[in-house]
PDB file of all heavy atoms in Angstrom:
ATOM      1  N   GLY A   1       0.542  12.502  14.051  1.00  0.00           N
ATOM      2  CA  GLY A   1      -0.366  11.496  13.642  1.00  0.00           C
ATOM      3  C   GLY A   1      -0.961  11.635  12.234  1.00  0.00           C
ATOM      4  O   GLY A   1      -2.040  11.128  11.968  1.00  0.00           O
ATOM      5  N   LYS A   2      -0.156  12.279  11.354  1.00  0.00           N
ATOM      6  CA  LYS A   2      -0.714  12.429  10.042  1.00  0.00           C
ATOM      7  C   LYS A   2      -0.647  11.147   9.251  1.00  0.00           C
ATOM      8  O   LYS A   2       0.169  10.337   9.425  1.00  0.00           O
ATOM      9  CB  LYS A   2       0.155  13.483   9.246  1.00  0.00           C
ATOM     10  CG  LYS A   2       0.071  14.875   9.776  1.00  0.00           C
ATOM     11  CD  LYS A   2       0.827  15.904   8.931  1.00  0.00           C
ATOM     12  CE  LYS A   2       0.590  17.285   9.348  1.00  0.00           C
ATOM     13  NZ  LYS A   2       1.304  18.237   8.531  1.00  0.00           N
ATOM     14  N   ILE A   3      -1.530  11.077   8.357  1.00  0.00           N
ATOM     15  CA  ILE A   3      -1.679   9.876   7.430  1.00  0.00           C
ATOM     16  C   ILE A   3      -1.311  10.395   6.055  1.00  0.00           C
ATOM     17  O   ILE A   3      -2.104  11.206   5.480  1.00  0.00           O
ATOM     18  CB  ILE A   3      -3.044   9.234   7.471  1.00  0.00           C
ATOM     19  CG1 ILE A   3      -3.388   8.817   8.846  1.00  0.00           C
ATOM     20  CG2 ILE A   3      -3.083   8.089   6.476  1.00  0.00           C
ATOM     21  CD1 ILE A   3      -4.790   8.283   9.055  1.00  0.00           C
ATOM     22  N   TYR A   4      -0.232   9.971   5.464  1.00  0.00           N
ATOM     23  CA  TYR A   4       0.220  10.435   4.167  1.00  0.00           C
ATOM     24  C   TYR A   4      -0.404   9.438   3.098  1.00  0.00           C
ATOM     25  O   TYR A   4      -0.373   8.235   3.271  1.00  0.00           O
ATOM     26  CB  TYR A   4       1.732  10.418   4.165  1.00  0.00           C
ATOM     27  CG  TYR A   4       2.335  11.439   5.046  1.00  0.00           C
ATOM     28  CD1 TYR A   4       2.549  11.149   6.364  1.00  0.00           C
ATOM     29  CD2 TYR A   4       2.570  12.692   4.490  1.00  0.00           C
ATOM     30  CE1 TYR A   4       3.039  12.176   7.182  1.00  0.00           C
ATOM     31  CE2 TYR A   4       3.097  13.667   5.399  1.00  0.00           C
ATOM     32  CZ  TYR A   4       3.319  13.392   6.668  1.00  0.00           C
ATOM     33  OH  TYR A   4       3.790  14.367   7.496  1.00  0.00           O
ATOM     34  N   THR A   5      -0.832  10.097   1.983  1.00  0.00           N
ATOM     35  CA  THR A   5      -1.459   9.289   0.920  1.00  0.00           C
ATOM     36  C   THR A   5      -0.945   9.709  -0.434  1.00  0.00           C
ATOM     37  O   THR A   5      -0.925  10.887  -0.793  1.00  0.00           O
ATOM     38  CB  THR A   5      -2.957   9.639   0.923  1.00  0.00           C
ATOM     39  OG1 THR A   5      -3.455   9.290   2.296  1.00  0.00           O
ATOM     40  CG2 THR A   5      -3.726   8.702  -0.016  1.00  0.00           C
ATOM     41  N   MET A   6      -0.535   8.731  -1.206  1.00  0.00           N
ATOM     42  CA  MET A   6      -0.121   8.921  -2.619  1.00  0.00           C
ATOM     43  C   MET A   6      -1.374   8.399  -3.458  1.00  0.00           C
ATOM     44  O   MET A   6      -1.727   7.220  -3.384  1.00  0.00           O
ATOM     45  CB  MET A   6       1.105   8.044  -2.951  1.00  0.00           C
ATOM     46  CG  MET A   6       2.296   8.558  -2.386  1.00  0.00           C
ATOM     47  SD  MET A   6       3.806   7.565  -2.799  1.00  0.00           S
ATOM     48  CE  MET A   6       3.973   7.972  -4.482  1.00  0.00           C
ATOM     49  N   LEU A   7      -1.982   9.309  -4.163  1.00  0.00           N
ATOM     50  CA  LEU A   7      -3.182   8.980  -4.975  1.00  0.00           C
ATOM     51  C   LEU A   7      -2.633   8.696  -6.386  1.00  0.00           C
ATOM     52  O   LEU A   7      -1.838   9.450  -6.956  1.00  0.00           O
ATOM     53  CB  LEU A   7      -4.146  10.096  -4.970  1.00  0.00           C
ATOM     54  CG  LEU A   7      -4.734  10.417  -3.691  1.00  0.00           C
ATOM     55  CD1 LEU A   7      -5.609  11.792  -3.785  1.00  0.00           C
ATOM     56  CD2 LEU A   7      -5.727   9.298  -3.251  1.00  0.00           C
ATOM     57  N   TYR A   8      -3.205   7.656  -7.054  1.00  0.00           N
ATOM     58  CA  TYR A   8      -2.956   7.295  -8.403  1.00  0.00           C
ATOM     59  C   TYR A   8      -1.376   6.990  -8.601  1.00  0.00           C
ATOM     60  O   TYR A   8      -0.836   7.430  -9.602  1.00  0.00           O
ATOM     61  CB  TYR A   8      -3.424   8.310  -9.444  1.00  0.00           C
ATOM     62  CG  TYR A   8      -4.934   8.563  -9.269  1.00  0.00           C
ATOM     63  CD1 TYR A   8      -5.300   9.822  -8.865  1.00  0.00           C
ATOM     64  CD2 TYR A   8      -5.842   7.548  -9.474  1.00  0.00           C
ATOM     65  CE1 TYR A   8      -6.639  10.108  -8.722  1.00  0.00           C
ATOM     66  CE2 TYR A   8      -7.174   7.842  -9.295  1.00  0.00           C
ATOM     67  CZ  TYR A   8      -7.585   9.160  -8.987  1.00  0.00           C
ATOM     68  OH  TYR A   8      -8.936   9.387  -8.769  1.00  0.00           O
ATOM     69  N   ALA A   9      -0.762   6.330  -7.676  1.00  0.00           N
ATOM     70  CA  ALA A   9       0.715   6.069  -7.712  1.00  0.00           C
ATOM     71  C   ALA A   9       0.968   5.177  -8.984  1.00  0.00           C
ATOM     72  O   ALA A   9       2.133   5.183  -9.423  1.00  0.00           O
ATOM     73  CB  ALA A   9       1.129   5.408  -6.457  1.00  0.00           C
ATOM     74  N   ASP A  10      -0.014   4.441  -9.493  1.00  0.00           N
ATOM     75  CA  ASP A  10       0.180   3.674 -10.632  1.00  0.00           C
ATOM     76  C   ASP A  10       0.450   4.443 -11.915  1.00  0.00           C
ATOM     77  O   ASP A  10       0.957   3.913 -12.894  1.00  0.00           O
ATOM     78  CB  ASP A  10      -1.045   2.772 -10.900  1.00  0.00           C
ATOM     79  CG  ASP A  10      -2.364   3.540 -10.923  1.00  0.00           C
ATOM     80  OD1 ASP A  10      -2.702   4.017  -9.849  1.00  0.00           O
ATOM     81  OD2 ASP A  10      -2.949   3.640 -11.977  1.00  0.00           O
ATOM     82  N   GLU A  11       0.167   5.762 -11.846  1.00  0.00           N
ATOM     83  CA  GLU A  11       0.427   6.614 -13.039  1.00  0.00           C
ATOM     84  C   GLU A  11       1.891   7.201 -13.127  1.00  0.00           C
ATOM     85  O   GLU A  11       2.233   7.818 -14.068  1.00  0.00           O
ATOM     86  CB  GLU A  11      -0.549   7.734 -13.083  1.00  0.00           C
ATOM     87  CG  GLU A  11      -1.998   7.265 -13.342  1.00  0.00           C
ATOM     88  CD  GLU A  11      -2.921   8.441 -13.667  1.00  0.00           C
ATOM     89  OE1 GLU A  11      -2.449   9.556 -13.967  1.00  0.00           O
ATOM     90  OE2 GLU A  11      -4.073   8.208 -13.619  1.00  0.00           O
ATOM     91  N   LEU A  12       2.695   6.981 -12.039  1.00  0.00           N
ATOM     92  CA  LEU A  12       4.068   7.477 -12.056  1.00  0.00           C
ATOM     93  C   LEU A  12       4.833   6.771 -13.248  1.00  0.00           C
ATOM     94  O   LEU A  12       4.604   5.599 -13.467  1.00  0.00           O
ATOM     95  CB  LEU A  12       4.714   7.181 -10.753  1.00  0.00           C
ATOM     96  CG  LEU A  12       4.178   7.975  -9.494  1.00  0.00           C
ATOM     97  CD1 LEU A  12       4.939   7.458  -8.232  1.00  0.00           C
ATOM     98  CD2 LEU A  12       4.385   9.412  -9.670  1.00  0.00           C
ATOM     99  N   SER A  13       5.799   7.550 -13.740  1.00  0.00           N
ATOM    100  CA  SER A  13       6.610   6.859 -14.752  1.00  0.00           C
ATOM    101  C   SER A  13       7.418   5.809 -14.172  1.00  0.00           C
ATOM    102  O   SER A  13       7.618   5.755 -12.949  1.00  0.00           O
ATOM    103  CB  SER A  13       7.515   8.003 -15.384  1.00  0.00           C
ATOM    104  OG  SER A  13       8.498   8.372 -14.531  1.00  0.00           O
ATOM    105  N   TYR A  14       8.034   4.996 -15.028  1.00  0.00           N
ATOM    106  CA  TYR A  14       8.829   3.847 -14.528  1.00  0.00           C
ATOM    107  C   TYR A  14       9.981   4.359 -13.705  1.00  0.00           C
ATOM    108  O   TYR A  14      10.308   3.808 -12.708  1.00  0.00           O
ATOM    109  CB  TYR A  14       9.306   2.991 -15.753  1.00  0.00           C
ATOM    110  CG  TYR A  14      10.072   1.838 -15.354  1.00  0.00           C
ATOM    111  CD1 TYR A  14       9.547   0.668 -14.878  1.00  0.00           C
ATOM    112  CD2 TYR A  14      11.512   1.891 -15.496  1.00  0.00           C
ATOM    113  CE1 TYR A  14      10.338  -0.441 -14.516  1.00  0.00           C
ATOM    114  CE2 TYR A  14      12.254   0.828 -15.113  1.00  0.00           C
ATOM    115  CZ  TYR A  14      11.711  -0.313 -14.652  1.00  0.00           C
ATOM    116  OH  TYR A  14      12.516  -1.439 -14.287  1.00  0.00           O
ATOM    117  N   ASP A  15      10.706   5.357 -14.294  1.00  0.00           N
ATOM    118  CA  ASP A  15      11.901   5.821 -13.635  1.00  0.00           C
ATOM    119  C   ASP A  15      11.600   6.446 -12.221  1.00  0.00           C
ATOM    120  O   ASP A  15      12.354   6.134 -11.230  1.00  0.00           O
ATOM    121  CB  ASP A  15      12.640   6.908 -14.419  1.00  0.00           C
ATOM    122  CG  ASP A  15      13.174   6.394 -15.705  1.00  0.00           C
ATOM    123  OD1 ASP A  15      13.479   5.109 -15.726  1.00  0.00           O
ATOM    124  OD2 ASP A  15      13.394   7.150 -16.692  1.00  0.00           O
ATOM    125  N   VAL A  16      10.502   7.197 -12.156  1.00  0.00           N
ATOM    126  CA  VAL A  16      10.104   7.768 -10.835  1.00  0.00           C
ATOM    127  C   VAL A  16       9.665   6.733  -9.881  1.00  0.00           C
ATOM    128  O   VAL A  16       9.950   6.748  -8.732  1.00  0.00           O
ATOM    129  CB  VAL A  16       8.994   8.880 -11.121  1.00  0.00           C
ATOM    130  CG1 VAL A  16       8.426   9.295  -9.774  1.00  0.00           C
ATOM    131  CG2 VAL A  16       9.514  10.050 -11.947  1.00  0.00           C
ATOM    132  N   SER A  17       8.924   5.694 -10.416  1.00  0.00           N
ATOM    133  CA  SER A  17       8.524   4.610  -9.568  1.00  0.00           C
ATOM    134  C   SER A  17       9.720   3.797  -9.012  1.00  0.00           C
ATOM    135  O   SER A  17       9.681   3.437  -7.803  1.00  0.00           O
ATOM    136  CB  SER A  17       7.623   3.619 -10.362  1.00  0.00           C
ATOM    137  OG  SER A  17       6.481   4.257 -10.755  1.00  0.00           O
ATOM    138  N   CYS A  18      10.705   3.544  -9.785  1.00  0.00           N
ATOM    139  CA  CYS A  18      11.905   2.881  -9.341  1.00  0.00           C
ATOM    140  C   CYS A  18      12.550   3.624  -8.226  1.00  0.00           C
ATOM    141  O   CYS A  18      13.041   3.079  -7.200  1.00  0.00           O
ATOM    142  CB  CYS A  18      12.893   2.577 -10.457  1.00  0.00           C
ATOM    143  SG  CYS A  18      12.367   1.378 -11.663  1.00  0.00           S
ATOM    144  N   ARG A  19      12.786   4.962  -8.509  1.00  0.00           N
ATOM    145  CA  ARG A  19      13.379   5.810  -7.505  1.00  0.00           C
ATOM    146  C   ARG A  19      12.642   5.878  -6.195  1.00  0.00           C
ATOM    147  O   ARG A  19      13.137   5.874  -5.139  1.00  0.00           O
ATOM    148  CB  ARG A  19      13.596   7.206  -8.134  1.00  0.00           C
ATOM    149  CG  ARG A  19      14.162   8.208  -7.169  1.00  0.00           C
ATOM    150  CD  ARG A  19      15.620   7.920  -6.935  1.00  0.00           C
ATOM    151  NE  ARG A  19      16.172   8.730  -5.820  1.00  0.00           N
ATOM    152  CZ  ARG A  19      16.692   8.244  -4.729  1.00  0.00           C
ATOM    153  NH1 ARG A  19      16.890   7.003  -4.477  1.00  0.00           N
ATOM    154  NH2 ARG A  19      17.067   9.118  -3.800  1.00  0.00           N
ATOM    155  N   ALA A  20      11.325   5.949  -6.305  1.00  0.00           N
ATOM    156  CA  ALA A  20      10.409   5.943  -5.125  1.00  0.00           C
ATOM    157  C   ALA A  20      10.560   4.665  -4.294  1.00  0.00           C
ATOM    158  O   ALA A  20      10.702   4.710  -3.085  1.00  0.00           O
ATOM    159  CB  ALA A  20       8.937   6.107  -5.496  1.00  0.00           C
ATOM    160  N   GLU A  21      10.627   3.551  -4.994  1.00  0.00           N
ATOM    161  CA  GLU A  21      10.854   2.268  -4.285  1.00  0.00           C
ATOM    162  C   GLU A  21      12.243   2.224  -3.569  1.00  0.00           C
ATOM    163  O   GLU A  21      12.304   1.896  -2.412  1.00  0.00           O
ATOM    164  CB  GLU A  21      10.664   1.137  -5.185  1.00  0.00           C
ATOM    165  CG  GLU A  21      10.823  -0.247  -4.424  1.00  0.00           C
ATOM    166  CD  GLU A  21      10.982  -1.422  -5.446  1.00  0.00           C
ATOM    167  OE1 GLU A  21      11.396  -1.269  -6.537  1.00  0.00           O
ATOM    168  OE2 GLU A  21      10.726  -2.571  -4.860  1.00  0.00           O
ATOM    169  N   GLU A  22      13.264   2.711  -4.187  1.00  0.00           N
ATOM    170  CA  GLU A  22      14.595   2.722  -3.659  1.00  0.00           C
ATOM    171  C   GLU A  22      14.646   3.602  -2.410  1.00  0.00           C
ATOM    172  O   GLU A  22      15.116   3.279  -1.334  1.00  0.00           O
ATOM    173  CB  GLU A  22      15.594   3.277  -4.710  1.00  0.00           C
ATOM    174  CG  GLU A  22      15.978   2.298  -5.796  1.00  0.00           C
ATOM    175  CD  GLU A  22      16.720   2.902  -6.917  1.00  0.00           C
ATOM    176  OE1 GLU A  22      17.314   3.977  -6.668  1.00  0.00           O
ATOM    177  OE2 GLU A  22      16.741   2.377  -7.996  1.00  0.00           O
ATOM    178  N   LEU A  23      14.078   4.787  -2.581  1.00  0.00           N
ATOM    179  CA  LEU A  23      14.087   5.752  -1.456  1.00  0.00           C
ATOM    180  C   LEU A  23      13.252   5.254  -0.289  1.00  0.00           C
ATOM    181  O   LEU A  23      13.650   5.435   0.827  1.00  0.00           O
ATOM    182  CB  LEU A  23      13.533   7.111  -1.943  1.00  0.00           C
ATOM    183  CG  LEU A  23      13.675   8.212  -0.968  1.00  0.00           C
ATOM    184  CD1 LEU A  23      15.113   8.508  -0.537  1.00  0.00           C
ATOM    185  CD2 LEU A  23      12.977   9.487  -1.445  1.00  0.00           C
ATOM    186  N   PHE A  24      12.095   4.617  -0.598  1.00  0.00           N
ATOM    187  CA  PHE A  24      11.316   4.070   0.475  1.00  0.00           C
ATOM    188  C   PHE A  24      12.116   3.141   1.352  1.00  0.00           C
ATOM    189  O   PHE A  24      12.128   3.069   2.539  1.00  0.00           O
ATOM    190  CB  PHE A  24      10.034   3.370  -0.076  1.00  0.00           C
ATOM    191  CG  PHE A  24       9.189   2.795   0.942  1.00  0.00           C
ATOM    192  CD1 PHE A  24       8.205   3.492   1.677  1.00  0.00           C
ATOM    193  CD2 PHE A  24       9.330   1.445   1.186  1.00  0.00           C
ATOM    194  CE1 PHE A  24       7.410   2.993   2.642  1.00  0.00           C
ATOM    195  CE2 PHE A  24       8.477   0.829   2.263  1.00  0.00           C
ATOM    196  CZ  PHE A  24       7.572   1.669   2.933  1.00  0.00           C
ATOM    197  N   LYS A  25      12.816   2.155   0.576  1.00  0.00           N
ATOM    198  CA  LYS A  25      13.595   1.194   1.244  1.00  0.00           C
ATOM    199  C   LYS A  25      14.720   1.822   2.163  1.00  0.00           C
ATOM    200  O   LYS A  25      15.016   1.374   3.266  1.00  0.00           O
ATOM    201  CB  LYS A  25      14.236   0.232   0.325  1.00  0.00           C
ATOM    202  CG  LYS A  25      13.195  -0.751  -0.276  1.00  0.00           C
ATOM    203  CD  LYS A  25      13.802  -1.663  -1.327  1.00  0.00           C
ATOM    204  CE  LYS A  25      12.809  -2.605  -1.914  1.00  0.00           C
ATOM    205  NZ  LYS A  25      13.335  -3.437  -2.966  1.00  0.00           N
ATOM    206  N   GLN A  26      15.300   2.923   1.630  1.00  0.00           N
ATOM    207  CA  GLN A  26      16.352   3.610   2.356  1.00  0.00           C
ATOM    208  C   GLN A  26      15.802   4.286   3.627  1.00  0.00           C
ATOM    209  O   GLN A  26      16.394   4.178   4.677  1.00  0.00           O
ATOM    210  CB  GLN A  26      17.014   4.647   1.510  1.00  0.00           C
ATOM    211  CG  GLN A  26      17.874   4.090   0.344  1.00  0.00           C
ATOM    212  CD  GLN A  26      18.348   5.146  -0.598  1.00  0.00           C
ATOM    213  OE1 GLN A  26      18.135   6.377  -0.400  1.00  0.00           O
ATOM    214  NE2 GLN A  26      18.980   4.748  -1.676  1.00  0.00           N
ATOM    215  N   LEU A  27      14.679   4.955   3.463  1.00  0.00           N
ATOM    216  CA  LEU A  27      14.106   5.799   4.518  1.00  0.00           C
ATOM    217  C   LEU A  27      13.334   4.995   5.575  1.00  0.00           C
ATOM    218  O   LEU A  27      13.219   5.392   6.682  1.00  0.00           O
ATOM    219  CB  LEU A  27      13.256   6.925   3.970  1.00  0.00           C
ATOM    220  CG  LEU A  27      13.972   7.954   3.081  1.00  0.00           C
ATOM    221  CD1 LEU A  27      12.928   8.944   2.564  1.00  0.00           C
ATOM    222  CD2 LEU A  27      14.999   8.689   3.838  1.00  0.00           C
ATOM    223  N   GLN A  28      12.875   3.795   5.170  1.00  0.00           N
ATOM    224  CA  GLN A  28      11.973   3.016   6.014  1.00  0.00           C
ATOM    225  C   GLN A  28      12.757   2.683   7.329  1.00  0.00           C
ATOM    226  O   GLN A  28      12.084   2.525   8.369  1.00  0.00           O
ATOM    227  CB  GLN A  28      11.597   1.748   5.308  1.00  0.00           C
ATOM    228  CG  GLN A  28      10.562   0.941   5.982  1.00  0.00           C
ATOM    229  CD  GLN A  28      10.189  -0.304   5.282  1.00  0.00           C
ATOM    230  OE1 GLN A  28      10.903  -0.779   4.293  1.00  0.00           O
ATOM    231  NE2 GLN A  28       9.003  -0.860   5.599  1.00  0.00           N
ATOM    232  N   CYS A  29      14.023   2.578   7.279  1.00  0.00           N
ATOM    233  CA  CYS A  29      14.828   2.218   8.550  1.00  0.00           C
ATOM    234  C   CYS A  29      14.800   3.333   9.555  1.00  0.00           C
ATOM    235  O   CYS A  29      15.049   3.112  10.717  1.00  0.00           O
ATOM    236  CB  CYS A  29      16.249   1.800   8.111  1.00  0.00           C
ATOM    237  SG  CYS A  29      17.184   3.251   7.429  1.00  0.00           S
ATOM    238  N   TYR A  30      14.453   4.553   9.167  1.00  0.00           N
ATOM    239  CA  TYR A  30      14.488   5.666  10.163  1.00  0.00           C
ATOM    240  C   TYR A  30      13.262   5.660  11.076  1.00  0.00           C
ATOM    241  O   TYR A  30      13.287   6.260  12.079  1.00  0.00           O
ATOM    242  CB  TYR A  30      14.529   6.991   9.470  1.00  0.00           C
ATOM    243  CG  TYR A  30      15.906   7.292   8.816  1.00  0.00           C
ATOM    244  CD1 TYR A  30      15.994   7.115   7.394  1.00  0.00           C
ATOM    245  CD2 TYR A  30      16.944   7.667   9.515  1.00  0.00           C
ATOM    246  CE1 TYR A  30      17.253   7.337   6.805  1.00  0.00           C
ATOM    247  CE2 TYR A  30      18.211   7.859   9.025  1.00  0.00           C
ATOM    248  CZ  TYR A  30      18.352   7.708   7.644  1.00  0.00           C
ATOM    249  OH  TYR A  30      19.559   7.900   7.052  1.00  0.00           O
ATOM    250  N   SER A  31      12.182   5.062  10.630  1.00  0.00           N
ATOM    251  CA  SER A  31      10.943   5.055  11.412  1.00  0.00           C
ATOM    252  C   SER A  31      10.184   3.871  11.116  1.00  0.00           C
ATOM    253  O   SER A  31       9.889   3.429   9.967  1.00  0.00           O
ATOM    254  CB  SER A  31      10.099   6.345  11.060  1.00  0.00           C
ATOM    255  OG  SER A  31       8.874   6.242  11.793  1.00  0.00           O
ATOM    256  N   SER A  32       9.598   3.263  12.210  1.00  0.00           N
ATOM    257  CA  SER A  32       8.684   2.161  12.037  1.00  0.00           C
ATOM    258  C   SER A  32       7.245   2.552  12.274  1.00  0.00           C
ATOM    259  O   SER A  32       6.336   1.741  12.216  1.00  0.00           O
ATOM    260  CB  SER A  32       9.118   1.033  12.987  1.00  0.00           C
ATOM    261  OG  SER A  32       9.061   1.412  14.248  1.00  0.00           O
ATOM    262  N   SER A  33       7.057   3.824  12.651  1.00  0.00           N
ATOM    263  CA  SER A  33       5.675   4.286  12.964  1.00  0.00           C
ATOM    264  C   SER A  33       5.121   5.210  11.857  1.00  0.00           C
ATOM    265  O   SER A  33       4.146   5.922  12.143  1.00  0.00           O
ATOM    266  CB  SER A  33       5.726   5.063  14.265  1.00  0.00           C
ATOM    267  OG  SER A  33       6.670   6.181  14.185  1.00  0.00           O
ATOM    268  N   TYR A  34       5.545   5.118  10.625  1.00  0.00           N
ATOM    269  CA  TYR A  34       5.028   5.953   9.570  1.00  0.00           C
ATOM    270  C   TYR A  34       3.665   5.444   9.159  1.00  0.00           C
ATOM    271  O   TYR A  34       3.370   4.276   9.467  1.00  0.00           O
ATOM    272  CB  TYR A  34       5.867   5.932   8.334  1.00  0.00           C
ATOM    273  CG  TYR A  34       6.094   4.663   7.716  1.00  0.00           C
ATOM    274  CD1 TYR A  34       5.258   4.129   6.723  1.00  0.00           C
ATOM    275  CD2 TYR A  34       7.125   3.741   8.105  1.00  0.00           C
ATOM    276  CE1 TYR A  34       5.354   2.846   6.167  1.00  0.00           C
ATOM    277  CE2 TYR A  34       7.278   2.488   7.547  1.00  0.00           C
ATOM    278  CZ  TYR A  34       6.371   2.065   6.622  1.00  0.00           C
ATOM    279  OH  TYR A  34       6.542   0.828   6.060  1.00  0.00           O
ATOM    280  N   ARG A  35       2.864   6.245   8.630  1.00  0.00           N
ATOM    281  CA  ARG A  35       1.539   5.989   8.143  1.00  0.00           C
ATOM    282  C   ARG A  35       1.389   6.364   6.685  1.00  0.00           C
ATOM    283  O   ARG A  35       1.257   7.575   6.460  1.00  0.00           O
ATOM    284  CB  ARG A  35       0.468   6.534   9.022  1.00  0.00           C
ATOM    285  CG  ARG A  35       0.567   6.022  10.479  1.00  0.00           C
ATOM    286  CD  ARG A  35      -0.560   6.216  11.356  1.00  0.00           C
ATOM    287  NE  ARG A  35      -1.029   7.613  11.475  1.00  0.00           N
ATOM    288  CZ  ARG A  35      -2.113   7.952  12.197  1.00  0.00           C
ATOM    289  NH1 ARG A  35      -2.747   6.996  12.843  1.00  0.00           N
ATOM    290  NH2 ARG A  35      -2.494   9.231  12.225  1.00  0.00           N
TER     291      ARG A  35
END
């Protein structure tokens, strides 16, 4: 039941942000119960 938190995600570089969005879309299909 952990709640994961990214603080100040707006400060990530453009490249890292793009990669994070891509990875989120890929991994989201593995679980619908993430927090």
